[in-house]
C-alpha atoms as a PDB file:
ATOM      1  CA  UNK A   1     -48.077  88.874  66.310  1.00  0.00           C
ATOM      2  CA  UNK A   2     -46.087  89.535  69.509  1.00  0.00           C
ATOM      3  CA  UNK A   3     -46.640  91.917  72.288  1.00  0.00           C
ATOM      4  CA  UNK A   4     -44.908  95.326  71.740  1.00  0.00           C
ATOM      5  CA  UNK A   5     -42.808  95.255  74.998  1.00  0.00           C
ATOM      6  CA  UNK A   6     -41.416  91.626  73.859  1.00  0.00           C
ATOM      7  CA  UNK A   7     -40.555  92.761  70.595  1.00  0.00           C
ATOM      8  CA  UNK A   8     -38.445  95.784  71.714  1.00  0.00           C
ATOM      9  CA  UNK A   9     -36.710  93.482  74.331  1.00  0.00           C
ATOM     10  CA  UNK A  10     -35.896  90.944  71.474  1.00  0.00           C
ATOM     11  CA  UNK A  11     -34.569  93.931  69.316  1.00  0.00           C
ATOM     12  CA  UNK A  12     -31.667  94.349  71.922  1.00  0.00           C
ATOM     13  CA  UNK A  13     -32.713  97.861  72.781  1.00  0.00           C
ATOM     14  CA  UNK A  14     -33.640  97.318  76.413  1.00  0.00           C
ATOM     15  CA  UNK A  15     -34.827  94.716  78.625  1.00  0.00           C
ATOM     16  CA  UNK A  16     -38.603  93.905  78.738  1.00  0.00           C
ATOM     17  CA  UNK A  17     -39.080  95.792  81.969  1.00  0.00           C
ATOM     18  CA  UNK A  18     -37.370  98.838  80.695  1.00  0.00           C
ATOM     19  CA  UNK A  19     -39.454  98.686  77.555  1.00  0.00           C
ATOM     20  CA  UNK A  20     -42.471  98.760  79.661  1.00  0.00           C
ATOM     21  CA  UNK A  21     -41.630 101.849  81.364  1.00  0.00           C
ATOM     22  CA  UNK A  22     -40.819 103.610  78.184  1.00  0.00           C
ATOM     23  CA  UNK A  23     -44.355 102.496  76.825  1.00  0.00           C
ATOM     24  CA  UNK A  24     -45.990 104.027  79.688  1.00  0.00           C
ATOM     25  CA  UNK A  25     -43.772 106.982  79.575  1.00  0.00           C
ATOM     26  CA  UNK A  26     -45.023 107.572  75.963  1.00  0.00           C
ATOM     27  CA  UNK A  27     -41.619 107.077  74.527  1.00  0.00           C
ATOM     28  CA  UNK A  28     -42.757 104.420  72.097  1.00  0.00           C
ATOM     29  CA  UNK A  29     -44.578 104.718  68.669  1.00  0.00           C
ATOM     30  CA  UNK A  30     -45.994 102.096  66.306  1.00  0.00           C
ATOM     31  CA  UNK A  31     -46.569 103.497  62.620  1.00  0.00           C
ATOM     32  CA  UNK A  32     -46.144 106.862  63.827  1.00  0.00           C
ATOM     33  CA  UNK A  33     -48.632 106.679  66.865  1.00  0.00           C
ATOM     34  CA  UNK A  34     -47.643 107.075  70.303  1.00  0.00           C
ATOM     35  CA  UNK A  35     -48.584 103.844  72.325  1.00  0.00           C
ATOM     36  CA  UNK A  36     -48.835 103.844  76.273  1.00  0.00           C
ATOM     37  CA  UNK A  37     -51.061 100.817  76.725  1.00  0.00           C
ATOM     38  CA  UNK A  38     -49.572  97.303  77.711  1.00  0.00           C
ATOM     39  CA  UNK A  39     -50.829  94.371  75.667  1.00  0.00           C
ATOM     40  CA  UNK A  40     -50.457  95.877  72.222  1.00  0.00           C
ATOM     41  CA  UNK A  41     -49.443  93.416  69.440  1.00  0.00           C
ATOM     42  CA  UNK A  42     -47.313  93.958  66.625  1.00  0.00           C
ATOM     43  CA  UNK A  43     -46.267  92.363  63.337  1.00  0.00           C
ATOM     44  CA  UNK A  44     -42.949  92.207  61.359  1.00  0.00           C
ATOM     45  CA  UNK A  45     -44.713  94.911  58.951  1.00  0.00           C
ATOM     46  CA  UNK A  46     -45.104  97.503  61.785  1.00  0.00           C
ATOM     47  CA  UNK A  47     -42.522 100.358  62.064  1.00  0.00           C
ATOM     48  CA  UNK A  48     -41.450 100.790  65.837  1.00  0.00           C
ATOM     49  CA  UNK A  49     -39.581 103.607  67.197  1.00  0.00           C
ATOM     50  CA  UNK A  50     -38.285 103.918  70.850  1.00  0.00           C
ATOM     51  CA  UNK A  51     -37.172 107.066  71.975  1.00  0.00           C
ATOM     52  CA  UNK A  52     -36.976 108.286  68.484  1.00  0.00           C
ATOM     53  CA  UNK A  53     -34.809 105.384  67.237  1.00  0.00           C
ATOM     54  CA  UNK A  54     -36.136 102.753  64.874  1.00  0.00           C
ATOM     55  CA  UNK A  55     -35.644  99.108  66.261  1.00  0.00           C
ATOM     56  CA  UNK A  56     -34.656  96.243  64.225  1.00  0.00           C
ATOM     57  CA  UNK A  57     -35.724  92.695  65.707  1.00  0.00           C
ATOM     58  CA  UNK A  58     -32.947  90.985  63.858  1.00  0.00           C
ATOM     59  CA  UNK A  59     -29.936  92.836  65.404  1.00  0.00           C
ATOM     60  CA  UNK A  60     -27.086  90.426  66.124  1.00  0.00           C
ATOM     61  CA  UNK A  61     -27.035  89.464  69.700  1.00  0.00           C
ATOM     62  CA  UNK A  62     -23.793  89.890  71.789  1.00  0.00           C
ATOM     63  CA  UNK A  63     -23.081  88.652  75.268  1.00  0.00           C
ATOM     64  CA  UNK A  64     -20.401  89.661  77.799  1.00  0.00           C
ATOM     65  CA  UNK A  65     -19.467  88.975  81.271  1.00  0.00           C
ATOM     66  CA  UNK A  66     -17.733  91.661  83.347  1.00  0.00           C
ATOM     67  CA  UNK A  67     -15.754  91.452  86.619  1.00  0.00           C
ATOM     68  CA  UNK A  68     -17.618  94.767  88.091  1.00  0.00           C
ATOM     69  CA  UNK A  69     -14.997  96.866  90.055  1.00  0.00           C
ATOM     70  CA  UNK A  70     -16.277  99.039  93.402  1.00  0.00           C
ATOM     71  CA  UNK A  71     -17.557 102.311  92.584  1.00  0.00           C
ATOM     72  CA  UNK A  72     -19.085 101.381  89.229  1.00  0.00           C
ATOM     73  CA  UNK A  73     -22.849 101.861  88.845  1.00  0.00           C
ATOM     74  CA  UNK A  74     -25.036  99.065  87.250  1.00  0.00           C
ATOM     75  CA  UNK A  75     -27.174 101.133  84.588  1.00  0.00           C
ATOM     76  CA  UNK A  76     -26.617 102.159  80.957  1.00  0.00           C
ATOM     77  CA  UNK A  77     -26.400 105.896  81.891  1.00  0.00           C
ATOM     78  CA  UNK A  78     -26.025 107.782  85.129  1.00  0.00           C
ATOM     79  CA  UNK A  79     -27.591 111.080  85.919  1.00  0.00           C
ATOM     80  CA  UNK A  80     -24.611 111.971  88.201  1.00  0.00           C
ATOM     81  CA  UNK A  81     -22.207 111.403  85.548  1.00  0.00           C
ATOM     82  CA  UNK A  82     -20.559 108.038  87.263  1.00  0.00           C
ATOM     83  CA  UNK A  83     -18.852 105.377  85.117  1.00  0.00           C
ATOM     84  CA  UNK A  84     -21.453 102.662  84.398  1.00  0.00           C
ATOM     85  CA  UNK A  85     -20.879  99.208  83.566  1.00  0.00           C
ATOM     86  CA  UNK A  86     -21.464  99.721  80.045  1.00  0.00           C
ATOM     87  CA  UNK A  87     -18.777 102.215  79.861  1.00  0.00           C
ATOM     88  CA  UNK A  88     -16.270  99.524  80.628  1.00  0.00           C
ATOM     89  CA  UNK A  89     -16.967  97.270  77.426  1.00  0.00           C
ATOM     90  CA  UNK A  90     -15.821  98.286  74.104  1.00  0.00           C
ATOM     91  CA  UNK A  91     -18.776  97.508  71.546  1.00  0.00           C
ATOM     92  CA  UNK A  92     -20.999  99.489  69.000  1.00  0.00           C
ATOM     93  CA  UNK A  93     -24.022  97.491  70.043  1.00  0.00           C
ATOM     94  CA  UNK A  94     -26.372  98.940  72.618  1.00  0.00           C
ATOM     95  CA  UNK A  95     -26.030  96.725  75.565  1.00  0.00           C
ATOM     96  CA  UNK A  96     -27.485  96.700  79.208  1.00  0.00           C
ATOM     97  CA  UNK A  97     -26.859  94.602  82.279  1.00  0.00           C
ATOM     98  CA  UNK A  98     -28.550  91.617  83.463  1.00  0.00           C
ATOM     99  CA  UNK A  99     -29.945  92.518  86.875  1.00  0.00           C
ATOM    100  CA  UNK A 100     -27.643  94.641  88.996  1.00  0.00           C
ATOM    101  CA  UNK A 101     -24.801  94.881  91.483  1.00  0.00           C
ATOM    102  CA  UNK A 102     -24.510  97.938  93.984  1.00  0.00           C
ATOM    103  CA  UNK A 103     -22.353 100.672  93.498  1.00  0.00           C
ATOM    104  CA  UNK A 104     -19.892  99.308  96.075  1.00  0.00           C
ATOM    105  CA  UNK A 105     -20.523  95.578  95.214  1.00  0.00           C
ATOM    106  CA  UNK A 106     -18.025  93.692  93.012  1.00  0.00           C
ATOM    107  CA  UNK A 107     -18.099  90.886  90.727  1.00  0.00           C
ATOM    108  CA  UNK A 108     -19.755  88.934  88.087  1.00  0.00           C
ATOM    109  CA  UNK A 109     -22.176  90.415  85.860  1.00  0.00           C
ATOM    110  CA  UNK A 110     -23.591  89.556  82.494  1.00  0.00           C
ATOM    111  CA  UNK A 111     -24.364  92.480  79.747  1.00  0.00           C
ATOM    112  CA  UNK A 112     -26.085  91.658  76.475  1.00  0.00           C
ATOM    113  CA  UNK A 113     -28.643  92.843  74.047  1.00  0.00           C
ATOM    114  CA  UNK A 114     -30.715  89.756  74.024  1.00  0.00           C
ATOM    115  CA  UNK A 115     -33.907  90.694  75.969  1.00  0.00           C
ATOM    116  CA  UNK A 116     -35.521  87.109  76.099  1.00  0.00           C
ATOM    117  CA  UNK A 117     -32.458  85.598  77.818  1.00  0.00           C
ATOM    118  CA  UNK A 118     -32.209  88.681  80.089  1.00  0.00           C
ATOM    119  CA  UNK A 119     -35.890  88.015  81.015  1.00  0.00           C
ATOM    120  CA  UNK A 120     -35.070  84.424  81.982  1.00  0.00           C
ATOM    121  CA  UNK A 121     -32.090  84.923  83.950  1.00  0.00           C
ATOM    122  CA  UNK A 122     -33.415  87.569  86.259  1.00  0.00           C
ATOM    123  CA  UNK A 123     -37.009  86.052  87.101  1.00  0.00           C
ATOM    124  CA  UNK A 124     -36.591  84.438  90.457  1.00  0.00           C
ATOM    125  CA  UNK A 125     -38.927  81.426  89.434  1.00  0.00           C
ATOM    126  CA  UNK A 126     -36.217  79.865  86.929  1.00  0.00           C
ATOM    127  CA  UNK A 127     -33.985  79.533  90.009  1.00  0.00           C
ATOM    128  CA  UNK A 128     -30.927  80.867  88.404  1.00  0.00           C
ATOM    129  CA  UNK A 129     -28.004  80.295  90.972  1.00  0.00           C
ATOM    130  CA  UNK A 130     -26.265  83.164  92.228  1.00  0.00           C
ATOM    131  CA  UNK A 131     -22.993  82.773  94.595  1.00  0.00           C
ATOM    132  CA  UNK A 132     -21.837  85.856  96.635  1.00  0.00           C
ATOM    133  CA  UNK A 133     -18.906  86.064  99.322  1.00  0.00           C
ATOM    134  CA  UNK A 134     -19.552  88.370 102.058  1.00  0.00           C
ATOM    135  CA  UNK A 135     -17.536  89.876 104.552  1.00  0.00           C
ATOM    136  CA  UNK A 136     -19.491  90.901 107.789  1.00  0.00           C
ATOM    137  CA  UNK A 137     -18.616  92.770 111.020  1.00  0.00           C
ATOM    138  CA  UNK A 138     -18.933  90.349 113.654  1.00  0.00           C
ATOM    139  CA  UNK A 139     -18.569  86.618 114.169  1.00  0.00           C
ATOM    140  CA  UNK A 140     -21.131  84.591 112.528  1.00  0.00           C
ATOM    141  CA  UNK A 141     -22.524  81.215 114.014  1.00  0.00           C
ATOM    142  CA  UNK A 142     -24.054  78.211 112.130  1.00  0.00           C
ATOM    143  CA  UNK A 143     -27.436  79.080 113.944  1.00  0.00           C
ATOM    144  CA  UNK A 144     -27.285  82.511 112.229  1.00  0.00           C
ATOM    145  CA  UNK A 145     -26.785  80.919 108.814  1.00  0.00           C
ATOM    146  CA  UNK A 146     -29.565  78.550 109.595  1.00  0.00           C
ATOM    147  CA  UNK A 147     -31.839  81.533 109.645  1.00  0.00           C
ATOM    148  CA  UNK A 148     -30.620  82.892 106.357  1.00  0.00           C
ATOM    149  CA  UNK A 149     -30.973  79.281 104.643  1.00  0.00           C
ATOM    150  CA  UNK A 150     -34.513  79.150 105.962  1.00  0.00           C
ATOM    151  CA  UNK A 151     -35.593  82.725 104.566  1.00  0.00           C
ATOM    152  CA  UNK A 152     -35.975  86.116 106.444  1.00  0.00           C
ATOM    153  CA  UNK A 153     -38.106  88.850 106.131  1.00  0.00           C
ATOM    154  CA  UNK A 154     -36.832  91.990 103.996  1.00  0.00           C
ATOM    155  CA  UNK A 155     -39.062  94.754 103.154  1.00  0.00           C
ATOM    156  CA  UNK A 156     -41.886  92.819 104.498  1.00  0.00           C
ATOM    157  CA  UNK A 157     -41.409  89.825 102.458  1.00  0.00           C
ATOM    158  CA  UNK A 158     -39.607  86.309 103.259  1.00  0.00           C
ATOM    159  CA  UNK A 159     -36.758  85.332 101.157  1.00  0.00           C
ATOM    160  CA  UNK A 160     -36.517  81.974  99.436  1.00  0.00           C
ATOM    161  CA  UNK A 161     -34.488  79.280 100.774  1.00  0.00           C
ATOM    162  CA  UNK A 162     -30.871  79.768 100.267  1.00  0.00           C
ATOM    163  CA  UNK A 163     -27.376  77.792 101.000  1.00  0.00           C
ATOM    164  CA  UNK A 164     -24.608  79.339 102.992  1.00  0.00           C
ATOM    165  CA  UNK A 165     -21.359  78.163 104.711  1.00  0.00           C
ATOM    166  CA  UNK A 166     -18.704  79.806 106.814  1.00  0.00           C
ATOM    167  CA  UNK A 167     -15.652  80.568 105.106  1.00  0.00           C
ATOM    168  CA  UNK A 168     -13.633  81.887 108.002  1.00  0.00           C
ATOM    169  CA  UNK A 169     -13.719  83.940 110.900  1.00  0.00           C
ATOM    170  CA  UNK A 170     -11.195  86.311 112.414  1.00  0.00           C
ATOM    171  CA  UNK A 171     -11.693  87.109 116.002  1.00  0.00           C
ATOM    172  CA  UNK A 172      -8.811  89.718 116.200  1.00  0.00           C
ATOM    173  CA  UNK A 173     -10.665  91.872 113.778  1.00  0.00           C
ATOM    174  CA  UNK A 174     -14.195  90.720 114.623  1.00  0.00           C
ATOM    175  CA  UNK A 175     -15.102  89.820 110.969  1.00  0.00           C
ATOM    176  CA  UNK A 176     -16.473  86.699 109.232  1.00  0.00           C
ATOM    177  CA  UNK A 177     -16.322  85.635 105.701  1.00  0.00           C
ATOM    178  CA  UNK A 178     -19.532  83.582 104.322  1.00  0.00           C
ATOM    179  CA  UNK A 179     -20.507  82.128 101.086  1.00  0.00           C
ATOM    180  CA  UNK A 180     -24.180  82.727 100.029  1.00  0.00           C
ATOM    181  CA  UNK A 181     -26.108  81.097  97.195  1.00  0.00           C
ATOM    182  CA  UNK A 182     -29.572  82.626  96.495  1.00  0.00           C
ATOM    183  CA  UNK A 183     -31.910  82.299  93.421  1.00  0.00           C
ATOM    184  CA  UNK A 184     -33.536  85.943  93.734  1.00  0.00           C
ATOM    185  CA  UNK A 185     -32.281  89.140  92.810  1.00  0.00           C
ATOM    186  CA  UNK A 186     -34.292  92.121  94.899  1.00  0.00           C
ATOM    187  CA  UNK A 187     -32.795  95.293  95.696  1.00  0.00           C
ATOM    188  CA  UNK A 188     -29.793  95.069  98.277  1.00  0.00           C
ATOM    189  CA  UNK A 189     -30.906  91.736  98.960  1.00  0.00           C
ATOM    190  CA  UNK A 190     -27.943  90.098 100.305  1.00  0.00           C
ATOM    191  CA  UNK A 191     -27.025  92.888 102.446  1.00  0.00           C
ATOM    192  CA  UNK A 192     -30.474  93.041 103.726  1.00  0.00           C
ATOM    193  CA  UNK A 193     -30.679  89.394 104.620  1.00  0.00           C
ATOM    194  CA  UNK A 194     -27.612  89.716 106.934  1.00  0.00           C
ATOM    195  CA  UNK A 195     -28.930  92.787 108.378  1.00  0.00           C
ATOM    196  CA  UNK A 196     -32.008  90.794 109.246  1.00  0.00           C
ATOM    197  CA  UNK A 197     -29.864  88.723 111.409  1.00  0.00           C
ATOM    198  CA  UNK A 198     -27.889  91.330 112.877  1.00  0.00           C
ATOM    199  CA  UNK A 199     -24.719  91.645 110.533  1.00  0.00           C
ATOM    200  CA  UNK A 200     -23.567  94.551 108.405  1.00  0.00           C
ATOM    201  CA  UNK A 201     -21.691  93.582 105.129  1.00  0.00           C
ATOM    202  CA  UNK A 202     -18.318  95.407 104.992  1.00  0.00           C
ATOM    203  CA  UNK A 203     -17.593  93.833 101.294  1.00  0.00           C
ATOM    204  CA  UNK A 204     -19.703  91.814  98.984  1.00  0.00           C
ATOM    205  CA  UNK A 205     -18.665  90.156  95.625  1.00  0.00           C
ATOM    206  CA  UNK A 206     -20.706  88.074  93.314  1.00  0.00           C
ATOM    207  CA  UNK A 207     -18.391  84.806  92.512  1.00  0.00           C
ATOM    208  CA  UNK A 208     -20.858  83.305  89.898  1.00  0.00           C
ATOM    209  CA  UNK A 209     -24.053  83.038  87.793  1.00  0.00           C
ATOM    210  CA  UNK A 210     -25.101  79.561  86.977  1.00  0.00           C
ATOM    211  CA  UNK A 211     -21.967  78.014  85.511  1.00  0.00           C
ATOM    212  CA  UNK A 212     -20.333  81.418  84.890  1.00  0.00           C
ATOM    213  CA  UNK A 213     -17.363  82.387  86.872  1.00  0.00           C
ATOM    214  CA  UNK A 214     -14.818  85.207  87.121  1.00  0.00           C
ATOM    215  CA  UNK A 215     -12.119  82.812  86.334  1.00  0.00           C
ATOM    216  CA  UNK A 216      -9.147  84.472  84.502  1.00  0.00           C
ATOM    217  CA  UNK A 217     -10.850  88.081  84.725  1.00  0.00           C
ATOM    218  CA  UNK A 218      -9.350  90.587  86.851  1.00  0.00           C
ATOM    219  CA  UNK A 219     -11.341  93.457  88.296  1.00  0.00           C
ATOM    220  CA  UNK A 220     -12.573  95.757  85.354  1.00  0.00           C
ATOM    221  CA  UNK A 221     -11.998  93.015  82.918  1.00  0.00           C
ATOM    222  CA  UNK A 222     -14.586  91.467  80.518  1.00  0.00           C
ATOM    223  CA  UNK A 223     -14.801  88.861  77.994  1.00  0.00           C
ATOM    224  CA  UNK A 224     -17.291  87.875  75.083  1.00  0.00           C
ATOM    225  CA  UNK A 225     -19.190  84.612  76.218  1.00  0.00           C
ATOM    226  CA  UNK A 226     -18.475  81.678  73.705  1.00  0.00           C
ATOM    227  CA  UNK A 227     -21.189  80.113  71.448  1.00  0.00           C
ATOM    228  CA  UNK A 228     -21.160  77.240  73.735  1.00  0.00           C
ATOM    229  CA  UNK A 229     -21.757  79.279  76.830  1.00  0.00           C
ATOM    230  CA  UNK A 230     -24.717  80.929  75.125  1.00  0.00           C
ATOM    231  CA  UNK A 231     -25.935  77.706  74.176  1.00  0.00           C
ATOM    232  CA  UNK A 232     -25.703  76.254  77.607  1.00  0.00           C
ATOM    233  CA  UNK A 233     -27.515  79.056  79.156  1.00  0.00           C
ATOM    234  CA  UNK A 234     -30.203  78.656  76.591  1.00  0.00           C
ATOM    235  CA  UNK A 235     -30.293  75.145  77.368  1.00  0.00           C
ATOM    236  CA  UNK A 236     -30.879  75.959  81.048  1.00  0.00           C
ATOM    237  CA  UNK A 237     -34.063  78.086  79.726  1.00  0.00           C
ATOM    238  CA  UNK A 238     -35.530  75.075  77.677  1.00  0.00           C
ATOM    239  CA  UNK A 239     -34.941  72.584  80.486  1.00  0.00           C
END
């Protein structure tokens, strides 16, 4: 027996967090009955429908990395009709992004239908390293980076310790370029961290997640992960 939201996530229909939202909204049925409470457990013999769609826990898992362009939203569908990261990948599988990047942020994002791995990668306690490069308005100093690395308060909560280094500064344009390594993924986190020390982010790109990089991928391009790469991600999960 497994919790209903976990079974939905393992089916590849959506992430566990999204499954919990759908349950609360009454969009999930078990054996024809609507379920709205968390904690319900199901077996392989139970018939589960999500938004009217029967799910299959044994669906083949797929994994992609995408070099997200600016102006693409990180969601499975958009109420405003904007193009999404899912639209950029040709697959018949129902996939969803692991975490998110802002509309104007570019760089690496993983898309998959593997809910178990998704939950592992996005949870801050698992310390999955994410590397960003930010172009800032203003000339940043090492003392400023020390504040970032020690943790700053955003939305009333202090960020975890981070790593950062100055890549270059341009006094003529009054800009700086900084590499920032974090393990969390809060809403607009990188931008808010720099804003907390008085710097506005002009451009932001995610260069890597764990060992995965953008090598060989131009903006808008994607590729499937190799079996070895998937095993390495699961290797991290099991360490």
